[in-house]
Amino acid sequence: MPDGNADKTVSAQRLKQFIARIEKLEDEKKNLSADLREVYSEAKSAGFDTKIMRQVVKIRKMDKADREEQESLLEIYLDAVGD
């Protein structure tokens, strides 16, 4: 019969590995966020509208069919409210 403490030790080691990986990824995410803020700040200083840039990035991530559907719905809704 296996020793219950051995299972806990292995589980604890595995948990520590997961935690370490998560912490490393969180640090990387923090650094990437800082880099993104810096790029947007540079773009703003160069005269670009960062809100529009964020929208462009969001739209470019979308599947073409989803984007076309969203644009179509937006047009329908604007027509419905008289814009």
PDB file of N, CA and C in Angstrom:
ATOM      1  N   MET A   1       0.848  -1.182   0.000  1.00  0.00           N
ATOM      2  CA  MET A   1       0.000   0.000   0.000  1.00  0.00           C
ATOM      3  C   MET A   1       0.893   1.245   0.000  1.00  0.00           C
ATOM      4  N   PRO A   2       0.627   2.224  -0.913  1.00  0.00           N
ATOM      5  CA  PRO A   2       1.485   3.399  -0.997  1.00  0.00           C
ATOM      6  C   PRO A   2       1.372   4.274   0.246  1.00  0.00           C
ATOM      7  N   ASP A   3       2.447   4.927   0.530  1.00  0.00           N
ATOM      8  CA  ASP A   3       2.522   5.835   1.673  1.00  0.00           C
ATOM      9  C   ASP A   3       1.771   7.124   1.332  1.00  0.00           C
ATOM     10  N   GLY A   4       0.805   7.536   2.143  1.00  0.00           N
ATOM     11  CA  GLY A   4       0.015   8.748   1.928  1.00  0.00           C
ATOM     12  C   GLY A   4       0.854  10.010   1.951  1.00  0.00           C
ATOM     13  N   ASN A   5       1.923  10.010   2.770  1.00  0.00           N
ATOM     14  CA  ASN A   5       2.806  11.176   2.851  1.00  0.00           C
ATOM     15  C   ASN A   5       3.571  11.375   1.550  1.00  0.00           C
ATOM     16  N   ALA A   6       3.944  10.285   0.899  1.00  0.00           N
ATOM     17  CA  ALA A   6       4.664  10.373  -0.372  1.00  0.00           C
ATOM     18  C   ALA A   6       3.771  11.052  -1.413  1.00  0.00           C
ATOM     19  N   ASP A   7       2.487  10.708  -1.434  1.00  0.00           N
ATOM     20  CA  ASP A   7       1.549  11.329  -2.365  1.00  0.00           C
ATOM     21  C   ASP A   7       1.421  12.828  -2.093  1.00  0.00           C
ATOM     22  N   LYS A   8       1.372  13.200  -0.815  1.00  0.00           N
ATOM     23  CA  LYS A   8       1.258  14.609  -0.443  1.00  0.00           C
ATOM     24  C   LYS A   8       2.514  15.369  -0.839  1.00  0.00           C
ATOM     25  N   THR A   9       3.682  14.739  -0.690  1.00  0.00           N
ATOM     26  CA  THR A   9       4.942  15.382  -1.051  1.00  0.00           C
ATOM     27  C   THR A   9       4.989  15.627  -2.555  1.00  0.00           C
ATOM     28  N   VAL A  10       4.618  14.624  -3.316  1.00  0.00           N
ATOM     29  CA  VAL A  10       4.603  14.780  -4.766  1.00  0.00           C
ATOM     30  C   VAL A  10       3.592  15.854  -5.153  1.00  0.00           C
ATOM     31  N   SER A  11       2.425  15.842  -4.566  1.00  0.00           N
ATOM     32  CA  SER A  11       1.405  16.842  -4.858  1.00  0.00           C
ATOM     33  C   SER A  11       1.892  18.239  -4.489  1.00  0.00           C
ATOM     34  N   ALA A  12       2.564  18.369  -3.361  1.00  0.00           N
ATOM     35  CA  ALA A  12       3.077  19.662  -2.921  1.00  0.00           C
ATOM     36  C   ALA A  12       4.129  20.164  -3.907  1.00  0.00           C
ATOM     37  N   GLN A  13       4.988  19.279  -4.360  1.00  0.00           N
ATOM     38  CA  GLN A  13       6.023  19.675  -5.322  1.00  0.00           C
ATOM     39  C   GLN A  13       5.381  20.115  -6.636  1.00  0.00           C
ATOM     40  N   ARG A  14       4.408  19.367  -7.077  1.00  0.00           N
ATOM     41  CA  ARG A  14       3.716  19.701  -8.327  1.00  0.00           C
ATOM     42  C   ARG A  14       2.994  21.038  -8.192  1.00  0.00           C
ATOM     43  N   LEU A  15       2.350  21.254  -7.031  1.00  0.00           N
ATOM     44  CA  LEU A  15       1.669  22.517  -6.781  1.00  0.00           C
ATOM     45  C   LEU A  15       2.662  23.680  -6.816  1.00  0.00           C
ATOM     46  N   LYS A  16       3.821  23.504  -6.196  1.00  0.00           N
ATOM     47  CA  LYS A  16       4.838  24.558  -6.197  1.00  0.00           C
ATOM     48  C   LYS A  16       5.281  24.875  -7.618  1.00  0.00           C
ATOM     49  N   GLN A  17       5.393  23.857  -8.463  1.00  0.00           N
ATOM     50  CA  GLN A  17       5.779  24.071  -9.858  1.00  0.00           C
ATOM     51  C   GLN A  17       4.717  24.900 -10.596  1.00  0.00           C
ATOM     52  N   PHE A  18       3.446  24.531 -10.370  1.00  0.00           N
ATOM     53  CA  PHE A  18       2.371  25.301 -11.001  1.00  0.00           C
ATOM     54  C   PHE A  18       2.383  26.751 -10.535  1.00  0.00           C
ATOM     55  N   ILE A  19       2.534  26.946  -9.234  1.00  0.00           N
ATOM     56  CA  ILE A  19       2.551  28.303  -8.670  1.00  0.00           C
ATOM     57  C   ILE A  19       3.709  29.097  -9.254  1.00  0.00           C
ATOM     58  N   ALA A  20       4.882  28.486  -9.342  1.00  0.00           N
ATOM     59  CA  ALA A  20       6.052  29.172  -9.898  1.00  0.00           C
ATOM     60  C   ALA A  20       5.816  29.569 -11.356  1.00  0.00           C
ATOM     61  N   ARG A  21       5.210  28.686 -12.123  1.00  0.00           N
ATOM     62  CA  ARG A  21       4.920  29.002 -13.526  1.00  0.00           C
ATOM     63  C   ARG A  21       3.911  30.133 -13.636  1.00  0.00           C
ATOM     64  N   ILE A  22       2.891  30.092 -12.798  1.00  0.00           N
ATOM     65  CA  ILE A  22       1.876  31.147 -12.805  1.00  0.00           C
ATOM     66  C   ILE A  22       2.502  32.487 -12.443  1.00  0.00           C
ATOM     67  N   GLU A  23       3.340  32.501 -11.411  1.00  0.00           N
ATOM     68  CA  GLU A  23       3.995  33.742 -10.990  1.00  0.00           C
ATOM     69  C   GLU A  23       4.882  34.297 -12.103  1.00  0.00           C
ATOM     70  N   LYS A  24       5.592  33.411 -12.792  1.00  0.00           N
ATOM     71  CA  LYS A  24       6.450  33.845 -13.893  1.00  0.00           C
ATOM     72  C   LYS A  24       5.607  34.454 -15.014  1.00  0.00           C
ATOM     73  N   LEU A  25       4.504  33.798 -15.346  1.00  0.00           N
ATOM     74  CA  LEU A  25       3.624  34.315 -16.389  1.00  0.00           C
ATOM     75  C   LEU A  25       2.982  35.643 -15.985  1.00  0.00           C
ATOM     76  N   GLU A  26       2.616  35.779 -14.709  1.00  0.00           N
ATOM     77  CA  GLU A  26       2.056  37.045 -14.219  1.00  0.00           C
ATOM     78  C   GLU A  26       3.077  38.173 -14.366  1.00  0.00           C
ATOM     79  N   ASP A  27       4.343  37.884 -14.059  1.00  0.00           N
ATOM     80  CA  ASP A  27       5.397  38.888 -14.236  1.00  0.00           C
ATOM     81  C   ASP A  27       5.540  39.273 -15.705  1.00  0.00           C
ATOM     82  N   GLU A  28       5.513  38.267 -16.580  1.00  0.00           N
ATOM     83  CA  GLU A  28       5.618  38.527 -18.013  1.00  0.00           C
ATOM     84  C   GLU A  28       4.434  39.361 -18.490  1.00  0.00           C
ATOM     85  N   LYS A  29       3.237  39.038 -17.985  1.00  0.00           N
ATOM     86  CA  LYS A  29       2.037  39.776 -18.357  1.00  0.00           C
ATOM     87  C   LYS A  29       2.157  41.236 -17.913  1.00  0.00           C
ATOM     88  N   LYS A  30       2.679  41.445 -16.706  1.00  0.00           N
ATOM     89  CA  LYS A  30       2.859  42.804 -16.193  1.00  0.00           C
ATOM     90  C   LYS A  30       3.828  43.578 -17.091  1.00  0.00           C
ATOM     91  N   ASN A  31       4.911  42.926 -17.484  1.00  0.00           N
ATOM     92  CA  ASN A  31       5.888  43.579 -18.357  1.00  0.00           C
ATOM     93  C   ASN A  31       5.296  43.885 -19.734  1.00  0.00           C
ATOM     94  N   LEU A  32       4.519  42.941 -20.265  1.00  0.00           N
ATOM     95  CA  LEU A  32       3.875  43.177 -21.561  1.00  0.00           C
ATOM     96  C   LEU A  32       2.879  44.325 -21.480  1.00  0.00           C
ATOM     97  N   SER A  33       2.138  44.397 -20.406  1.00  0.00           N
ATOM     98  CA  SER A  33       1.179  45.495 -20.222  1.00  0.00           C
ATOM     99  C   SER A  33       1.904  46.836 -20.187  1.00  0.00           C
ATOM    100  N   ALA A  34       3.026  46.872 -19.504  1.00  0.00           N
ATOM    101  CA  ALA A  34       3.816  48.107 -19.438  1.00  0.00           C
ATOM    102  C   ALA A  34       4.332  48.468 -20.839  1.00  0.00           C
ATOM    103  N   ASP A  35       4.763  47.468 -21.585  1.00  0.00           N
ATOM    104  CA  ASP A  35       5.245  47.716 -22.948  1.00  0.00           C
ATOM    105  C   ASP A  35       4.120  48.251 -23.833  1.00  0.00           C
ATOM    106  N   LEU A  36       2.926  47.671 -23.706  1.00  0.00           N
ATOM    107  CA  LEU A  36       1.779  48.137 -24.490  1.00  0.00           C
ATOM    108  C   LEU A  36       1.427  49.578 -24.147  1.00  0.00           C
ATOM    109  N   ARG A  37       1.422  49.897 -22.861  1.00  0.00           N
ATOM    110  CA  ARG A  37       1.134  51.274 -22.447  1.00  0.00           C
ATOM    111  C   ARG A  37       2.149  52.243 -23.057  1.00  0.00           C
ATOM    112  N   GLU A  38       3.398  51.820 -23.083  1.00  0.00           N
ATOM    113  CA  GLU A  38       4.457  52.662 -23.644  1.00  0.00           C
ATOM    114  C   GLU A  38       4.241  52.903 -25.143  1.00  0.00           C
ATOM    115  N   VAL A  39       3.879  51.847 -25.872  1.00  0.00           N
ATOM    116  CA  VAL A  39       3.635  51.991 -27.312  1.00  0.00           C
ATOM    117  C   VAL A  39       2.441  52.906 -27.559  1.00  0.00           C
ATOM    118  N   TYR A  40       1.356  52.711 -26.808  1.00  0.00           N
ATOM    119  CA  TYR A  40       0.196  53.593 -26.965  1.00  0.00           C
ATOM    120  C   TYR A  40       0.554  55.036 -26.614  1.00  0.00           C
ATOM    121  N   SER A  41       1.381  55.219 -25.615  1.00  0.00           N
ATOM    122  CA  SER A  41       1.811  56.560 -25.231  1.00  0.00           C
ATOM    123  C   SER A  41       2.630  57.209 -26.349  1.00  0.00           C
ATOM    124  N   GLU A  42       3.516  56.434 -26.957  1.00  0.00           N
ATOM    125  CA  GLU A  42       4.311  56.943 -28.081  1.00  0.00           C
ATOM    126  C   GLU A  42       3.411  57.317 -29.246  1.00  0.00           C
ATOM    127  N   ALA A  43       2.426  56.467 -29.518  1.00  0.00           N
ATOM    128  CA  ALA A  43       1.495  56.732 -30.616  1.00  0.00           C
ATOM    129  C   ALA A  43       0.699  58.003 -30.339  1.00  0.00           C
ATOM    130  N   LYS A  44       0.262  58.180 -29.093  1.00  0.00           N
ATOM    131  CA  LYS A  44      -0.488  59.379 -28.715  1.00  0.00           C
ATOM    132  C   LYS A  44       0.381  60.618 -28.896  1.00  0.00           C
ATOM    133  N   SER A  45       1.641  60.524 -28.481  1.00  0.00           N
ATOM    134  CA  SER A  45       2.574  61.639 -28.643  1.00  0.00           C
ATOM    135  C   SER A  45       2.798  61.978 -30.113  1.00  0.00           C
ATOM    136  N   ALA A  46       2.664  60.964 -30.978  1.00  0.00           N
ATOM    137  CA  ALA A  46       2.831  61.175 -32.417  1.00  0.00           C
ATOM    138  C   ALA A  46       1.549  61.690 -33.066  1.00  0.00           C
ATOM    139  N   GLY A  47       0.491  61.881 -32.253  1.00  0.00           N
ATOM    140  CA  GLY A  47      -0.738  62.467 -32.754  1.00  0.00           C
ATOM    141  C   GLY A  47      -1.839  61.480 -33.124  1.00  0.00           C
ATOM    142  N   PHE A  48      -1.653  60.200 -32.821  1.00  0.00           N
ATOM    143  CA  PHE A  48      -2.674  59.204 -33.135  1.00  0.00           C
ATOM    144  C   PHE A  48      -3.688  59.098 -32.001  1.00  0.00           C
ATOM    145  N   ASP A  49      -4.922  58.794 -32.361  1.00  0.00           N
ATOM    146  CA  ASP A  49      -5.998  58.609 -31.397  1.00  0.00           C
ATOM    147  C   ASP A  49      -5.920  57.170 -30.885  1.00  0.00           C
ATOM    148  N   THR A  50      -5.539  57.002 -29.629  1.00  0.00           N
ATOM    149  CA  THR A  50      -5.309  55.658 -29.100  1.00  0.00           C
ATOM    150  C   THR A  50      -6.598  54.873 -28.898  1.00  0.00           C
ATOM    151  N   LYS A  51      -7.715  55.571 -28.673  1.00  0.00           N
ATOM    152  CA  LYS A  51      -8.997  54.856 -28.559  1.00  0.00           C
ATOM    153  C   LYS A  51      -9.322  54.173 -29.884  1.00  0.00           C
ATOM    154  N   ILE A  52      -9.107  54.876 -30.972  1.00  0.00           N
ATOM    155  CA  ILE A  52      -9.362  54.311 -32.296  1.00  0.00           C
ATOM    156  C   ILE A  52      -8.372  53.189 -32.578  1.00  0.00           C
ATOM    157  N   MET A  53      -7.133  53.373 -32.182  1.00  0.00           N
ATOM    158  CA  MET A  53      -6.129  52.320 -32.380  1.00  0.00           C
ATOM    159  C   MET A  53      -6.536  51.044 -31.648  1.00  0.00           C
ATOM    160  N   ARG A  54      -7.047  51.196 -30.430  1.00  0.00           N
ATOM    161  CA  ARG A  54      -7.498  50.025 -29.671  1.00  0.00           C
ATOM    162  C   ARG A  54      -8.660  49.327 -30.377  1.00  0.00           C
ATOM    163  N   GLN A  55      -9.552  50.112 -30.956  1.00  0.00           N
ATOM    164  CA  GLN A  55     -10.666  49.533 -31.707  1.00  0.00           C
ATOM    165  C   GLN A  55     -10.156  48.776 -32.931  1.00  0.00           C
ATOM    166  N   VAL A  56      -9.169  49.346 -33.618  1.00  0.00           N
ATOM    167  CA  VAL A  56      -8.594  48.693 -34.792  1.00  0.00           C
ATOM    168  C   VAL A  56      -7.978  47.353 -34.392  1.00  0.00           C
ATOM    169  N   VAL A  57      -7.245  47.344 -33.304  1.00  0.00           N
ATOM    170  CA  VAL A  57      -6.619  46.103 -32.829  1.00  0.00           C
ATOM    171  C   VAL A  57      -7.696  45.072 -32.503  1.00  0.00           C
ATOM    172  N   LYS A  58      -8.747  45.509 -31.831  1.00  0.00           N
ATOM    173  CA  LYS A  58      -9.842  44.608 -31.467  1.00  0.00           C
ATOM    174  C   LYS A  58     -10.515  44.031 -32.711  1.00  0.00           C
ATOM    175  N   ILE A  59     -10.781  44.892 -33.679  1.00  0.00           N
ATOM    176  CA  ILE A  59     -11.444  44.454 -34.902  1.00  0.00           C
ATOM    177  C   ILE A  59     -10.561  43.494 -35.689  1.00  0.00           C
ATOM    178  N   ARG A  60      -9.267  43.767 -35.744  1.00  0.00           N
ATOM    179  CA  ARG A  60      -8.359  42.903 -36.499  1.00  0.00           C
ATOM    180  C   ARG A  60      -8.229  41.513 -35.889  1.00  0.00           C
ATOM    181  N   LYS A  61      -8.516  41.391 -34.604  1.00  0.00           N
ATOM    182  CA  LYS A  61      -8.476  40.089 -33.939  1.00  0.00           C
ATOM    183  C   LYS A  61      -9.675  39.226 -34.316  1.00  0.00           C
ATOM    184  N   MET A  62     -10.749  39.894 -34.750  1.00  0.00           N
ATOM    185  CA  MET A  62     -11.999  39.195 -35.019  1.00  0.00           C
ATOM    186  C   MET A  62     -11.933  38.405 -36.318  1.00  0.00           C
ATOM    187  N   ASP A  63     -12.690  37.309 -36.348  1.00  0.00           N
ATOM    188  CA  ASP A  63     -12.889  36.550 -37.571  1.00  0.00           C
ATOM    189  C   ASP A  63     -13.636  37.439 -38.564  1.00  0.00           C
ATOM    190  N   LYS A  64     -13.320  37.314 -39.858  1.00  0.00           N
ATOM    191  CA  LYS A  64     -13.930  38.190 -40.863  1.00  0.00           C
ATOM    192  C   LYS A  64     -15.450  38.085 -40.860  1.00  0.00           C
ATOM    193  N   ALA A  65     -15.987  36.881 -40.758  1.00  0.00           N
ATOM    194  CA  ALA A  65     -17.441  36.699 -40.759  1.00  0.00           C
ATOM    195  C   ALA A  65     -18.071  37.361 -39.530  1.00  0.00           C
ATOM    196  N   ASP A  66     -17.439  37.220 -38.375  1.00  0.00           N
ATOM    197  CA  ASP A  66     -17.955  37.856 -37.154  1.00  0.00           C
ATOM    198  C   ASP A  66     -17.919  39.374 -37.280  1.00  0.00           C
ATOM    199  N   ARG A  67     -16.851  39.870 -37.863  1.00  0.00           N
ATOM    200  CA  ARG A  67     -16.715  41.316 -38.030  1.00  0.00           C
ATOM    201  C   ARG A  67     -17.791  41.848 -38.972  1.00  0.00           C
ATOM    202  N   GLU A  68     -18.021  41.139 -40.084  1.00  0.00           N
ATOM    203  CA  GLU A  68     -19.049  41.568 -41.028  1.00  0.00           C
ATOM    204  C   GLU A  68     -20.433  41.520 -40.393  1.00  0.00           C
ATOM    205  N   GLU A  69     -20.694  40.480 -39.591  1.00  0.00           N
ATOM    206  CA  GLU A  69     -21.982  40.379 -38.908  1.00  0.00           C
ATOM    207  C   GLU A  69     -22.159  41.538 -37.933  1.00  0.00           C
ATOM    208  N   GLN A  70     -21.119  41.847 -37.184  1.00  0.00           N
ATOM    209  CA  GLN A  70     -21.193  42.937 -36.215  1.00  0.00           C
ATOM    210  C   GLN A  70     -21.421  44.276 -36.928  1.00  0.00           C
ATOM    211  N   GLU A  71     -20.719  44.497 -38.032  1.00  0.00           N
ATOM    212  CA  GLU A  71     -20.888  45.736 -38.784  1.00  0.00           C
ATOM    213  C   GLU A  71     -22.310  45.841 -39.337  1.00  0.00           C
ATOM    214  N   SER A  72     -22.843  44.730 -39.818  1.00  0.00           N
ATOM    215  CA  SER A  72     -24.202  44.712 -40.344  1.00  0.00           C
ATOM    216  C   SER A  72     -25.219  45.033 -39.254  1.00  0.00           C
ATOM    217  N   LEU A  73     -25.058  44.408 -38.102  1.00  0.00           N
ATOM    218  CA  LEU A  73     -25.963  44.677 -36.981  1.00  0.00           C
ATOM    219  C   LEU A  73     -25.863  46.118 -36.513  1.00  0.00           C
ATOM    220  N   LEU A  74     -24.658  46.638 -36.484  1.00  0.00           N
ATOM    221  CA  LEU A  74     -24.470  48.032 -36.083  1.00  0.00           C
ATOM    222  C   LEU A  74     -25.220  48.953 -37.033  1.00  0.00           C
ATOM    223  N   GLU A  75     -25.125  48.682 -38.328  1.00  0.00           N
ATOM    224  CA  GLU A  75     -25.824  49.479 -39.322  1.00  0.00           C
ATOM    225  C   GLU A  75     -27.340  49.392 -39.133  1.00  0.00           C
ATOM    226  N   ILE A  76     -27.850  48.178 -38.895  1.00  0.00           N
ATOM    227  CA  ILE A  76     -29.282  47.970 -38.669  1.00  0.00           C
ATOM    228  C   ILE A  76     -29.742  48.743 -37.441  1.00  0.00           C
ATOM    229  N   TYR A  77     -28.978  48.649 -36.358  1.00  0.00           N
ATOM    230  CA  TYR A  77     -29.352  49.335 -35.116  1.00  0.00           C
ATOM    231  C   TYR A  77     -29.332  50.849 -35.304  1.00  0.00           C
ATOM    232  N   LEU A  78     -28.302  51.370 -35.987  1.00  0.00           N
ATOM    233  CA  LEU A  78     -28.238  52.814 -36.212  1.00  0.00           C
ATOM    234  C   LEU A  78     -29.412  53.284 -37.059  1.00  0.00           C
ATOM    235  N   ASP A  79     -29.743  52.506 -38.084  1.00  0.00           N
ATOM    236  CA  ASP A  79     -30.912  52.845 -38.897  1.00  0.00           C
ATOM    237  C   ASP A  79     -32.189  52.854 -38.060  1.00  0.00           C
ATOM    238  N   ALA A  80     -32.304  51.884 -37.162  1.00  0.00           N
ATOM    239  CA  ALA A  80     -33.503  51.761 -36.330  1.00  0.00           C
ATOM    240  C   ALA A  80     -33.689  52.944 -35.401  1.00  0.00           C
ATOM    241  N   VAL A  81     -32.593  53.543 -34.957  1.00  0.00           N
ATOM    242  CA  VAL A  81     -32.703  54.689 -34.045  1.00  0.00           C
ATOM    243  C   VAL A  81     -32.604  56.019 -34.785  1.00  0.00           C
ATOM    244  N   GLY A  82     -32.534  55.945 -36.124  1.00  0.00           N
ATOM    245  CA  GLY A  82     -32.576  57.162 -36.926  1.00  0.00           C
ATOM    246  C   GLY A  82     -31.242  57.852 -37.134  1.00  0.00           C
ATOM    247  N   ASP A  83     -30.154  57.142 -36.989  1.00  0.00           N
ATOM    248  CA  ASP A  83     -28.832  57.765 -37.245  1.00  0.00           C
ATOM    249  C   ASP A  83     -28.324  57.377 -38.605  1.00  0.00           C
TER     250      ASP A  83
END
